[in-house]
Amino acid sequence: MKKTARPRLPELSLSIQYPGGTATAPTRPQVRRWVRAACARPAEVTVRFVDTDEGQSLNRDYRGKDYATNVLSFPYESGAQISGDLVLCLPVVEREAKEQGKSPEAHFAHMVVHGMLHLQGYDHETGKDDAERMETKEREILQALGFPDPY
């Protein structure tokens, strides 16, 4: 029987931080799977799960918005490699999942994919066409991961 070579995945250096603990946060294997699914090229990424206070502080300091938001993306210039930090606010993502009737896992996956696309230059705030392009890509990735349409 002839073995078929699996396509080589882009190199990924991933750091996952849980400063408040892991009680309700996604597991490291889940996060790695979601990040990897959204990587179109080699990447060096840190994913940090924070509480409301840290989420609000970062959103205020870097975006001028004084509230905790679901995900923040901090891309770094790195040429051909995806490089940056994602910060997910656990309480916000969990609350949104409940409000939207989604499982926490599905919403965390969506927010990780969403943030990873921002690190790759996708933007939903610059215009309707850009938003549609980003949402289409999110749907494709999440469907491949086995999650329903997030919208």
N, C-alpha and C. Protein backbone atom coordinates (compact mmCIF):
# COMPACT_ATOMS: atom_id res chain seq x y z
N MET A 1 0.83 -1.17 0.00
CA MET A 1 0.00 0.00 0.00
C MET A 1 0.88 1.24 0.00
N LYS A 2 0.62 2.12 -0.92
CA LYS A 2 1.42 3.33 -1.06
C LYS A 2 0.90 4.42 -0.13
N LYS A 3 1.82 5.02 0.62
CA LYS A 3 1.45 6.12 1.50
C LYS A 3 1.39 7.41 0.71
N THR A 4 0.36 8.19 0.99
CA THR A 4 0.30 9.51 0.39
C THR A 4 0.81 10.52 1.40
N ALA A 5 1.63 11.41 0.92
CA ALA A 5 2.21 12.41 1.81
C ALA A 5 1.15 13.44 2.19
N ARG A 6 1.08 13.70 3.46
CA ARG A 6 0.18 14.76 3.93
C ARG A 6 0.81 16.10 3.60
N PRO A 7 -0.02 17.07 3.26
CA PRO A 7 0.56 18.39 2.98
C PRO A 7 1.24 18.94 4.23
N ARG A 8 2.37 19.53 4.03
CA ARG A 8 3.13 20.08 5.15
C ARG A 8 2.45 21.36 5.63
N LEU A 9 2.19 21.44 6.93
CA LEU A 9 1.55 22.61 7.51
C LEU A 9 2.60 23.70 7.75
N PRO A 10 2.18 24.95 7.69
CA PRO A 10 3.12 26.04 7.98
C PRO A 10 3.66 25.90 9.40
N GLU A 11 4.90 26.32 9.59
CA GLU A 11 5.51 26.28 10.92
C GLU A 11 4.73 27.20 11.86
N LEU A 12 4.52 26.72 13.09
CA LEU A 12 3.77 27.49 14.08
C LEU A 12 4.49 27.49 15.42
N SER A 13 4.80 28.67 15.91
CA SER A 13 5.30 28.84 17.27
C SER A 13 4.16 29.51 18.04
N LEU A 14 3.61 28.79 19.01
CA LEU A 14 2.42 29.26 19.72
C LEU A 14 2.65 29.23 21.22
N SER A 15 2.39 30.37 21.85
CA SER A 15 2.41 30.47 23.31
C SER A 15 0.99 30.77 23.77
N ILE A 16 0.51 30.02 24.77
CA ILE A 16 -0.83 30.23 25.29
C ILE A 16 -0.71 30.57 26.77
N GLN A 17 -1.33 31.68 27.16
CA GLN A 17 -1.21 32.17 28.53
C GLN A 17 -2.58 32.20 29.20
N TYR A 18 -2.60 31.70 30.43
CA TYR A 18 -3.82 31.68 31.25
C TYR A 18 -3.52 32.34 32.59
N PRO A 19 -3.38 33.68 32.64
CA PRO A 19 -3.02 34.32 33.91
C PRO A 19 -4.05 34.12 35.01
N GLY A 20 -5.31 33.89 34.64
CA GLY A 20 -6.35 33.70 35.65
C GLY A 20 -6.70 32.24 35.88
N GLY A 21 -5.97 31.33 35.27
CA GLY A 21 -6.26 29.91 35.41
C GLY A 21 -7.00 29.38 34.19
N THR A 22 -7.22 28.07 34.20
CA THR A 22 -7.79 27.40 33.02
C THR A 22 -9.19 26.85 33.25
N ALA A 23 -9.82 27.19 34.36
CA ALA A 23 -11.10 26.57 34.73
C ALA A 23 -12.13 26.62 33.60
N THR A 24 -12.33 27.75 32.96
CA THR A 24 -13.35 27.85 31.92
C THR A 24 -12.76 28.13 30.54
N ALA A 25 -11.45 28.21 30.46
CA ALA A 25 -10.79 28.54 29.20
C ALA A 25 -10.66 27.30 28.32
N PRO A 26 -10.57 27.51 27.00
CA PRO A 26 -10.30 26.39 26.09
C PRO A 26 -8.95 25.75 26.41
N THR A 27 -8.81 24.50 26.07
CA THR A 27 -7.55 23.79 26.32
C THR A 27 -6.49 24.19 25.30
N ARG A 28 -5.25 23.91 25.64
CA ARG A 28 -4.15 24.21 24.71
C ARG A 28 -4.33 23.49 23.37
N PRO A 29 -4.69 22.19 23.36
CA PRO A 29 -4.90 21.54 22.06
C PRO A 29 -6.02 22.18 21.23
N GLN A 30 -7.09 22.63 21.88
CA GLN A 30 -8.16 23.30 21.14
C GLN A 30 -7.63 24.59 20.51
N VAL A 31 -6.96 25.40 21.29
CA VAL A 31 -6.45 26.68 20.79
C VAL A 31 -5.47 26.45 19.65
N ARG A 32 -4.57 25.48 19.81
CA ARG A 32 -3.60 25.18 18.75
C ARG A 32 -4.32 24.78 17.47
N ARG A 33 -5.35 23.97 17.57
CA ARG A 33 -6.10 23.52 16.39
C ARG A 33 -6.75 24.71 15.68
N TRP A 34 -7.35 25.62 16.44
CA TRP A 34 -8.03 26.77 15.86
C TRP A 34 -7.04 27.74 15.23
N VAL A 35 -5.93 27.99 15.91
CA VAL A 35 -4.90 28.88 15.35
C VAL A 35 -4.34 28.27 14.07
N ARG A 36 -4.01 27.00 14.13
CA ARG A 36 -3.44 26.32 12.96
C ARG A 36 -4.41 26.39 11.78
N ALA A 37 -5.70 26.20 12.00
CA ALA A 37 -6.69 26.22 10.92
C ALA A 37 -6.75 27.57 10.23
N ALA A 38 -6.42 28.63 10.95
CA ALA A 38 -6.49 29.98 10.39
C ALA A 38 -5.15 30.48 9.86
N CYS A 39 -4.11 29.65 9.94
CA CYS A 39 -2.78 30.06 9.48
C CYS A 39 -2.59 29.75 8.01
N ALA A 40 -2.34 30.77 7.24
CA ALA A 40 -2.07 30.58 5.82
C ALA A 40 -0.57 30.50 5.55
N ARG A 41 0.22 30.84 6.55
CA ARG A 41 1.68 30.82 6.39
C ARG A 41 2.32 30.65 7.77
N PRO A 42 3.63 30.51 7.85
CA PRO A 42 4.27 30.34 9.16
C PRO A 42 3.86 31.46 10.12
N ALA A 43 3.79 31.09 11.41
CA ALA A 43 3.29 32.06 12.39
C ALA A 43 4.01 31.93 13.73
N GLU A 44 4.10 33.07 14.39
CA GLU A 44 4.58 33.15 15.78
C GLU A 44 3.53 33.97 16.52
N VAL A 45 2.75 33.29 17.37
CA VAL A 45 1.58 33.92 17.98
C VAL A 45 1.52 33.59 19.47
N THR A 46 1.09 34.58 20.24
CA THR A 46 0.76 34.37 21.64
C THR A 46 -0.74 34.60 21.79
N VAL A 47 -1.41 33.67 22.47
CA VAL A 47 -2.83 33.81 22.78
C VAL A 47 -2.93 33.90 24.30
N ARG A 48 -3.56 34.96 24.78
CA ARG A 48 -3.68 35.21 26.21
C ARG A 48 -5.15 35.33 26.58
N PHE A 49 -5.58 34.57 27.58
CA PHE A 49 -6.95 34.60 28.08
C PHE A 49 -6.96 35.43 29.36
N VAL A 50 -7.74 36.54 29.35
CA VAL A 50 -7.68 37.50 30.45
C VAL A 50 -9.04 37.69 31.11
N ASP A 51 -9.03 38.37 32.26
CA ASP A 51 -10.27 38.72 32.95
C ASP A 51 -10.78 40.06 32.42
N THR A 52 -11.90 40.50 32.94
CA THR A 52 -12.54 41.73 32.47
C THR A 52 -11.66 42.95 32.70
N ASP A 53 -11.02 43.02 33.87
CA ASP A 53 -10.19 44.20 34.17
C ASP A 53 -9.05 44.36 33.17
N GLU A 54 -8.34 43.27 32.90
CA GLU A 54 -7.22 43.36 31.94
C GLU A 54 -7.74 43.62 30.54
N GLY A 55 -8.84 42.98 30.17
CA GLY A 55 -9.42 43.21 28.85
C GLY A 55 -9.82 44.67 28.66
N GLN A 56 -10.44 45.26 29.67
CA GLN A 56 -10.86 46.65 29.60
C GLN A 56 -9.64 47.57 29.53
N SER A 57 -8.66 47.31 30.34
CA SER A 57 -7.45 48.13 30.36
C SER A 57 -6.76 48.13 28.99
N LEU A 58 -6.60 46.96 28.40
CA LEU A 58 -5.95 46.88 27.09
C LEU A 58 -6.78 47.57 26.01
N ASN A 59 -8.09 47.37 26.03
CA ASN A 59 -8.95 47.99 25.03
C ASN A 59 -8.92 49.52 25.17
N ARG A 60 -8.90 50.01 26.39
CA ARG A 60 -8.83 51.45 26.64
C ARG A 60 -7.48 52.01 26.19
N ASP A 61 -6.40 51.33 26.57
CA ASP A 61 -5.07 51.84 26.28
C ASP A 61 -4.71 51.79 24.80
N TYR A 62 -5.15 50.76 24.09
CA TYR A 62 -4.74 50.59 22.71
C TYR A 62 -5.79 50.98 21.67
N ARG A 63 -7.06 51.03 22.08
CA ARG A 63 -8.10 51.39 21.11
C ARG A 63 -8.93 52.59 21.55
N GLY A 64 -8.69 53.09 22.77
CA GLY A 64 -9.43 54.24 23.26
C GLY A 64 -10.88 53.92 23.60
N LYS A 65 -11.19 52.65 23.83
CA LYS A 65 -12.56 52.23 24.15
C LYS A 65 -12.55 51.64 25.56
N ASP A 66 -13.28 52.27 26.46
CA ASP A 66 -13.20 51.94 27.88
C ASP A 66 -14.19 50.84 28.29
N TYR A 67 -14.04 49.67 27.69
CA TYR A 67 -14.82 48.48 28.06
C TYR A 67 -14.05 47.25 27.61
N ALA A 68 -14.35 46.15 28.24
CA ALA A 68 -13.72 44.89 27.84
C ALA A 68 -14.41 44.38 26.58
N THR A 69 -13.62 43.94 25.62
CA THR A 69 -14.16 43.40 24.37
C THR A 69 -13.77 41.94 24.25
N ASN A 70 -14.33 41.23 23.28
CA ASN A 70 -14.12 39.79 23.18
C ASN A 70 -12.70 39.41 22.78
N VAL A 71 -12.18 40.02 21.71
CA VAL A 71 -10.82 39.68 21.27
C VAL A 71 -10.11 40.93 20.77
N LEU A 72 -8.86 41.03 21.12
CA LEU A 72 -7.98 42.09 20.63
C LEU A 72 -6.84 41.44 19.87
N SER A 73 -6.47 42.03 18.76
CA SER A 73 -5.36 41.52 17.95
C SER A 73 -4.27 42.57 17.89
N PHE A 74 -3.04 42.12 18.13
CA PHE A 74 -1.88 43.00 18.09
C PHE A 74 -0.88 42.43 17.08
N PRO A 75 -1.02 42.81 15.80
CA PRO A 75 -0.08 42.28 14.80
C PRO A 75 1.27 42.99 14.88
N TYR A 76 2.33 42.23 14.57
CA TYR A 76 3.68 42.78 14.53
C TYR A 76 4.22 42.60 13.12
N GLU A 77 5.02 43.54 12.68
CA GLU A 77 5.64 43.43 11.36
C GLU A 77 6.64 42.29 11.36
N SER A 78 6.50 41.39 10.40
CA SER A 78 7.45 40.27 10.37
C SER A 78 7.64 39.69 8.98
N GLY A 79 7.31 40.43 7.96
CA GLY A 79 7.52 39.92 6.61
C GLY A 79 6.56 38.83 6.25
N ALA A 80 7.09 37.70 5.82
CA ALA A 80 6.26 36.60 5.33
C ALA A 80 5.60 35.82 6.46
N GLN A 81 6.03 36.02 7.68
CA GLN A 81 5.49 35.27 8.83
C GLN A 81 4.37 36.05 9.50
N ILE A 82 3.34 35.35 9.95
CA ILE A 82 2.29 35.94 10.78
C ILE A 82 2.90 36.10 12.17
N SER A 83 2.79 37.28 12.73
CA SER A 83 3.38 37.50 14.03
C SER A 83 2.49 38.45 14.83
N GLY A 84 2.14 38.03 16.04
CA GLY A 84 1.34 38.92 16.87
C GLY A 84 0.77 38.25 18.09
N ASP A 85 -0.02 39.03 18.82
CA ASP A 85 -0.67 38.57 20.04
C ASP A 85 -2.18 38.66 19.87
N LEU A 86 -2.87 37.68 20.44
CA LEU A 86 -4.33 37.72 20.56
C LEU A 86 -4.65 37.72 22.04
N VAL A 87 -5.58 38.57 22.43
CA VAL A 87 -6.04 38.63 23.82
C VAL A 87 -7.54 38.39 23.81
N LEU A 88 -7.96 37.32 24.48
CA LEU A 88 -9.39 37.01 24.58
C LEU A 88 -9.85 37.21 26.01
N CYS A 89 -10.94 37.94 26.18
CA CYS A 89 -11.49 38.19 27.51
C CYS A 89 -12.50 37.08 27.82
N LEU A 90 -12.11 36.18 28.70
CA LEU A 90 -12.94 35.02 29.04
C LEU A 90 -14.38 35.38 29.38
N PRO A 91 -14.63 36.30 30.34
CA PRO A 91 -16.02 36.58 30.70
C PRO A 91 -16.84 37.15 29.54
N VAL A 92 -16.23 37.96 28.70
CA VAL A 92 -16.97 38.55 27.57
C VAL A 92 -17.34 37.48 26.56
N VAL A 93 -16.38 36.63 26.20
CA VAL A 93 -16.66 35.57 25.21
C VAL A 93 -17.71 34.61 25.76
N GLU A 94 -17.60 34.25 27.03
CA GLU A 94 -18.58 33.34 27.63
C GLU A 94 -19.98 33.97 27.66
N ARG A 95 -20.06 35.26 28.02
CA ARG A 95 -21.36 35.96 28.04
C ARG A 95 -21.97 36.04 26.64
N GLU A 96 -21.15 36.39 25.66
CA GLU A 96 -21.64 36.48 24.29
C GLU A 96 -22.14 35.13 23.78
N ALA A 97 -21.42 34.06 24.10
CA ALA A 97 -21.85 32.73 23.67
C ALA A 97 -23.24 32.43 24.20
N LYS A 98 -23.44 32.73 25.47
CA LYS A 98 -24.76 32.49 26.09
C LYS A 98 -25.84 33.35 25.43
N GLU A 99 -25.54 34.63 25.25
CA GLU A 99 -26.50 35.56 24.63
C GLU A 99 -26.85 35.15 23.20
N GLN A 100 -25.89 34.59 22.48
CA GLN A 100 -26.09 34.22 21.08
C GLN A 100 -26.55 32.78 20.90
N GLY A 101 -26.71 32.06 22.01
CA GLY A 101 -27.16 30.67 21.93
C GLY A 101 -26.14 29.73 21.31
N LYS A 102 -24.85 30.05 21.50
CA LYS A 102 -23.77 29.21 20.97
C LYS A 102 -23.10 28.48 22.13
N SER A 103 -22.40 27.41 21.79
CA SER A 103 -21.58 26.77 22.82
C SER A 103 -20.36 27.66 23.06
N PRO A 104 -19.85 27.68 24.28
CA PRO A 104 -18.62 28.45 24.52
C PRO A 104 -17.49 28.02 23.58
N GLU A 105 -17.37 26.72 23.34
CA GLU A 105 -16.31 26.23 22.46
C GLU A 105 -16.43 26.84 21.06
N ALA A 106 -17.64 26.86 20.51
CA ALA A 106 -17.84 27.42 19.17
C ALA A 106 -17.50 28.90 19.13
N HIS A 107 -17.87 29.64 20.18
CA HIS A 107 -17.59 31.07 20.18
C HIS A 107 -16.11 31.36 20.40
N PHE A 108 -15.46 30.58 21.28
CA PHE A 108 -14.01 30.75 21.44
C PHE A 108 -13.29 30.45 20.13
N ALA A 109 -13.70 29.38 19.45
CA ALA A 109 -13.08 29.05 18.15
C ALA A 109 -13.25 30.21 17.18
N HIS A 110 -14.47 30.76 17.13
CA HIS A 110 -14.72 31.89 16.23
C HIS A 110 -13.83 33.08 16.58
N MET A 111 -13.71 33.41 17.85
CA MET A 111 -12.91 34.57 18.25
C MET A 111 -11.42 34.36 17.96
N VAL A 112 -10.92 33.13 18.13
CA VAL A 112 -9.52 32.85 17.79
C VAL A 112 -9.31 32.98 16.28
N VAL A 113 -10.20 32.39 15.49
CA VAL A 113 -10.10 32.49 14.03
C VAL A 113 -10.20 33.96 13.61
N HIS A 114 -11.15 34.68 14.18
CA HIS A 114 -11.35 36.10 13.87
C HIS A 114 -10.05 36.88 14.15
N GLY A 115 -9.49 36.66 15.33
CA GLY A 115 -8.25 37.35 15.68
C GLY A 115 -7.10 36.98 14.78
N MET A 116 -6.99 35.70 14.43
CA MET A 116 -5.92 35.26 13.53
C MET A 116 -6.05 35.92 12.16
N LEU A 117 -7.26 36.09 11.69
CA LEU A 117 -7.44 36.76 10.40
C LEU A 117 -7.01 38.23 10.48
N HIS A 118 -7.30 38.88 11.62
CA HIS A 118 -6.81 40.25 11.81
C HIS A 118 -5.28 40.29 11.75
N LEU A 119 -4.62 39.31 12.35
CA LEU A 119 -3.15 39.27 12.31
C LEU A 119 -2.62 39.12 10.90
N GLN A 120 -3.47 38.62 9.98
CA GLN A 120 -3.07 38.43 8.59
C GLN A 120 -3.55 39.55 7.68
N GLY A 121 -4.06 40.62 8.29
CA GLY A 121 -4.43 41.79 7.51
C GLY A 121 -5.90 41.92 7.16
N TYR A 122 -6.71 40.95 7.53
CA TYR A 122 -8.15 41.08 7.28
C TYR A 122 -8.72 42.16 8.20
N ASP A 123 -9.73 42.89 7.69
CA ASP A 123 -10.33 43.95 8.49
C ASP A 123 -11.80 44.06 8.13
N HIS A 124 -12.65 44.13 9.13
CA HIS A 124 -14.08 44.22 8.90
C HIS A 124 -14.62 45.62 9.14
N GLU A 125 -13.75 46.54 9.52
CA GLU A 125 -14.20 47.89 9.84
C GLU A 125 -13.90 48.91 8.74
N THR A 126 -13.23 48.48 7.67
CA THR A 126 -12.83 49.43 6.63
C THR A 126 -13.85 49.54 5.51
N GLY A 127 -14.82 48.64 5.47
CA GLY A 127 -15.82 48.72 4.42
C GLY A 127 -16.61 47.43 4.31
N LYS A 128 -17.74 47.50 3.64
CA LYS A 128 -18.63 46.35 3.51
C LYS A 128 -17.96 45.19 2.78
N ASP A 129 -17.23 45.47 1.70
CA ASP A 129 -16.56 44.40 0.95
C ASP A 129 -15.53 43.68 1.81
N ASP A 130 -14.75 44.46 2.58
CA ASP A 130 -13.74 43.85 3.45
C ASP A 130 -14.40 43.00 4.53
N ALA A 131 -15.50 43.50 5.09
CA ALA A 131 -16.22 42.74 6.12
C ALA A 131 -16.75 41.43 5.54
N GLU A 132 -17.33 41.48 4.34
CA GLU A 132 -17.85 40.26 3.71
C GLU A 132 -16.73 39.27 3.41
N ARG A 133 -15.59 39.78 2.96
CA ARG A 133 -14.44 38.91 2.67
C ARG A 133 -13.96 38.21 3.94
N MET A 134 -13.89 38.96 5.04
CA MET A 134 -13.43 38.38 6.31
C MET A 134 -14.44 37.37 6.84
N GLU A 135 -15.72 37.72 6.80
CA GLU A 135 -16.76 36.81 7.30
C GLU A 135 -16.82 35.53 6.48
N THR A 136 -16.63 35.63 5.17
CA THR A 136 -16.61 34.44 4.32
C THR A 136 -15.45 33.53 4.72
N LYS A 137 -14.29 34.11 4.94
CA LYS A 137 -13.11 33.32 5.35
C LYS A 137 -13.35 32.67 6.72
N GLU A 138 -13.95 33.42 7.65
CA GLU A 138 -14.26 32.86 8.97
C GLU A 138 -15.19 31.66 8.83
N ARG A 139 -16.23 31.82 8.02
CA ARG A 139 -17.19 30.71 7.82
C ARG A 139 -16.50 29.48 7.26
N GLU A 140 -15.63 29.67 6.27
CA GLU A 140 -14.92 28.54 5.65
C GLU A 140 -14.06 27.80 6.68
N ILE A 141 -13.31 28.55 7.46
CA ILE A 141 -12.41 27.93 8.44
C ILE A 141 -13.23 27.22 9.52
N LEU A 142 -14.25 27.88 10.04
CA LEU A 142 -15.06 27.28 11.11
C LEU A 142 -15.81 26.05 10.61
N GLN A 143 -16.29 26.09 9.38
CA GLN A 143 -16.97 24.91 8.82
C GLN A 143 -15.98 23.74 8.73
N ALA A 144 -14.76 24.01 8.28
CA ALA A 144 -13.74 22.96 8.20
C ALA A 144 -13.41 22.39 9.58
N LEU A 145 -13.57 23.21 10.62
CA LEU A 145 -13.34 22.76 11.99
C LEU A 145 -14.56 22.05 12.59
N GLY A 146 -15.69 22.06 11.86
CA GLY A 146 -16.89 21.40 12.33
C GLY A 146 -17.84 22.27 13.14
N PHE A 147 -17.66 23.59 13.05
CA PHE A 147 -18.52 24.51 13.77
C PHE A 147 -19.55 25.12 12.83
N PRO A 148 -20.74 25.48 13.35
CA PRO A 148 -21.76 26.10 12.52
C PRO A 148 -21.39 27.54 12.15
N ASP A 149 -22.12 28.08 11.19
CA ASP A 149 -21.96 29.47 10.77
C ASP A 149 -22.08 30.38 12.00
N PRO A 150 -21.07 31.18 12.29
CA PRO A 150 -21.10 32.02 13.48
C PRO A 150 -22.02 33.24 13.35
N TYR A 151 -22.48 33.49 12.13
CA TYR A 151 -23.33 34.67 11.91
C TYR A 151 -24.75 34.25 11.69
